[in-house]
Amino acid sequence: MSNHQETQVNGNYTEQAKEVFDFIGKLSKEQPKIAEGFVTMHKATGQDSALTKKHKELQALAIAIGIRCEGCIACHVQDAIKAGATKDEIVETIGVSVLMGGGPSIVYGNKAYEAMQEMM
């Protein structure tokens, strides 16, 4: 079993988030323009404007649940918490994602809930 698969089985979401950010570092060495573009876009959308960073992270979390991206869930739960999201806000975000995504979003919503419990 690879390191990534072990992380998914163990549900260590803090480690999963770290692996995603570590990969961005690796990608920046192999494909610097792609990594630079992604980081630039991430920074630009992460600033407060009409929506706060917290609200943008909650939106990103809802999308991550809907598209069934476990690494994205780990990163956006972590960033939502850092941006000041409360347990209630994260749980409500999970609920909205379940509304829009149905059964599969229940499965990945649970992963988001587990990540929140681990990281708070």
Protein backbone atom coordinates (compact mmCIF):
# COMPACT_ATOMS: atom_id res chain seq x y z
CA MET A 1 0.00 0.00 0.00
CA SER A 2 1.42 3.37 -0.96
CA ASN A 3 1.85 6.22 1.51
CA HIS A 4 -1.11 8.06 -0.05
CA GLN A 5 -3.39 5.03 0.24
CA GLU A 6 -2.40 4.53 3.88
CA THR A 7 -3.28 8.14 4.62
CA GLN A 8 -6.72 7.68 3.08
CA VAL A 9 -7.36 4.46 4.99
CA ASN A 10 -6.22 5.98 8.27
CA GLY A 11 -8.19 9.18 7.72
CA ASN A 12 -5.32 11.41 8.83
CA TYR A 13 -6.60 14.57 7.18
CA THR A 14 -3.88 16.82 8.56
CA GLU A 15 -1.31 14.59 6.84
CA GLN A 16 -3.37 14.54 3.64
CA ALA A 17 -3.42 18.34 3.54
CA LYS A 18 0.34 18.39 4.09
CA GLU A 19 0.84 15.92 1.22
CA VAL A 20 -1.18 18.14 -1.13
CA PHE A 21 0.87 21.23 -0.24
CA ASP A 22 4.11 19.23 -0.45
CA PHE A 23 3.16 18.12 -3.95
CA ILE A 24 2.64 21.74 -5.00
CA GLY A 25 6.27 22.28 -3.96
CA LYS A 26 7.40 19.31 -6.05
CA LEU A 27 5.31 20.47 -8.99
CA SER A 28 6.91 23.91 -8.79
CA LYS A 29 10.29 22.30 -9.50
CA GLU A 30 9.04 20.18 -12.41
CA GLN A 31 6.42 22.57 -13.87
CA PRO A 32 7.11 25.99 -12.35
CA LYS A 33 4.71 27.96 -14.56
CA ILE A 34 1.77 25.67 -13.76
CA ALA A 35 2.49 25.70 -10.03
CA GLU A 36 3.04 29.47 -10.06
CA GLY A 37 -0.27 30.00 -11.86
CA PHE A 38 -2.13 27.83 -9.38
CA VAL A 39 -0.56 29.54 -6.37
CA THR A 40 -1.24 33.00 -7.84
CA MET A 41 -4.88 32.10 -8.47
CA HIS A 42 -5.22 30.60 -4.99
CA LYS A 43 -3.79 33.73 -3.34
CA ALA A 44 -5.98 36.06 -5.41
CA THR A 45 -9.18 34.21 -4.56
CA GLY A 46 -8.15 33.81 -0.93
CA GLN A 47 -8.26 37.52 -0.15
CA ASP A 48 -11.24 39.20 1.46
CA SER A 49 -13.37 41.16 -0.98
CA ALA A 50 -17.13 40.86 -1.54
CA LEU A 51 -16.80 37.46 0.17
CA THR A 52 -14.52 36.83 3.10
CA LYS A 53 -11.74 34.26 2.95
CA LYS A 54 -13.76 32.16 5.41
CA HIS A 55 -16.81 32.11 3.15
CA LYS A 56 -14.69 31.28 0.12
CA GLU A 57 -13.11 28.37 1.99
CA LEU A 58 -16.55 27.09 2.97
CA GLN A 59 -17.62 27.29 -0.68
CA ALA A 60 -14.46 25.44 -1.72
CA LEU A 61 -15.22 22.79 0.91
CA ALA A 62 -18.74 22.32 -0.45
CA ILE A 63 -17.35 21.90 -3.96
CA ALA A 64 -14.66 19.48 -2.72
CA ILE A 65 -17.36 17.32 -1.14
CA GLY A 66 -19.46 17.45 -4.30
CA ILE A 67 -16.59 16.45 -6.59
CA ARG A 68 -15.43 13.77 -4.11
CA CYS A 69 -11.88 15.05 -3.67
CA GLU A 70 -10.58 13.85 -0.31
CA GLY A 71 -7.32 15.81 -0.49
CA CYS A 72 -9.30 18.95 -1.35
CA ILE A 73 -11.59 18.30 1.61
CA ALA A 74 -8.60 18.06 3.94
CA CYS A 75 -7.08 21.30 2.63
CA HIS A 76 -10.28 23.32 2.66
CA VAL A 77 -11.40 22.15 6.11
CA GLN A 78 -7.97 23.16 7.38
CA ASP A 79 -8.07 26.54 5.62
CA ALA A 80 -11.69 27.21 6.68
CA ILE A 81 -10.74 26.62 10.31
CA LYS A 82 -7.70 28.89 9.94
CA ALA A 83 -9.99 31.54 8.43
CA GLY A 84 -12.23 31.36 11.51
CA ALA A 85 -14.99 28.95 10.45
CA THR A 86 -16.90 27.44 13.33
CA LYS A 87 -18.07 23.85 13.69
CA ASP A 88 -21.63 24.98 12.98
CA GLU A 89 -20.58 26.74 9.76
CA ILE A 90 -18.66 23.70 8.54
CA VAL A 91 -21.50 21.32 9.39
CA GLU A 92 -24.00 23.58 7.59
CA THR A 93 -21.68 23.68 4.57
CA ILE A 94 -21.62 19.87 4.59
CA GLY A 95 -25.42 19.92 4.67
CA VAL A 96 -25.67 22.21 1.64
CA SER A 97 -23.26 19.96 -0.24
CA VAL A 98 -25.36 16.90 0.62
CA LEU A 99 -28.46 18.71 -0.66
CA MET A 100 -26.77 19.38 -4.00
CA GLY A 101 -24.80 16.14 -4.31
CA GLY A 102 -27.08 13.47 -2.84
CA GLY A 103 -25.82 10.14 -1.54
CA PRO A 104 -22.18 10.44 -2.62
CA SER A 105 -21.96 13.77 -0.80
CA ILE A 106 -23.08 12.03 2.39
CA VAL A 107 -20.02 9.78 2.11
CA TYR A 108 -17.64 12.67 1.44
CA GLY A 109 -19.48 14.96 3.85
CA ASN A 110 -18.62 12.42 6.52
CA LYS A 111 -14.96 12.71 5.52
CA ALA A 112 -15.21 16.49 5.90
CA TYR A 113 -16.82 16.04 9.31
CA GLU A 114 -14.05 13.66 10.40
CA ALA A 115 -11.42 16.11 9.13
CA MET A 116 -13.09 18.93 11.08
CA GLN A 117 -13.12 16.82 14.26
CA GLU A 118 -9.44 15.99 13.79
CA MET A 119 -8.36 19.56 13.11
CA MET A 120 -10.44 21.55 15.63
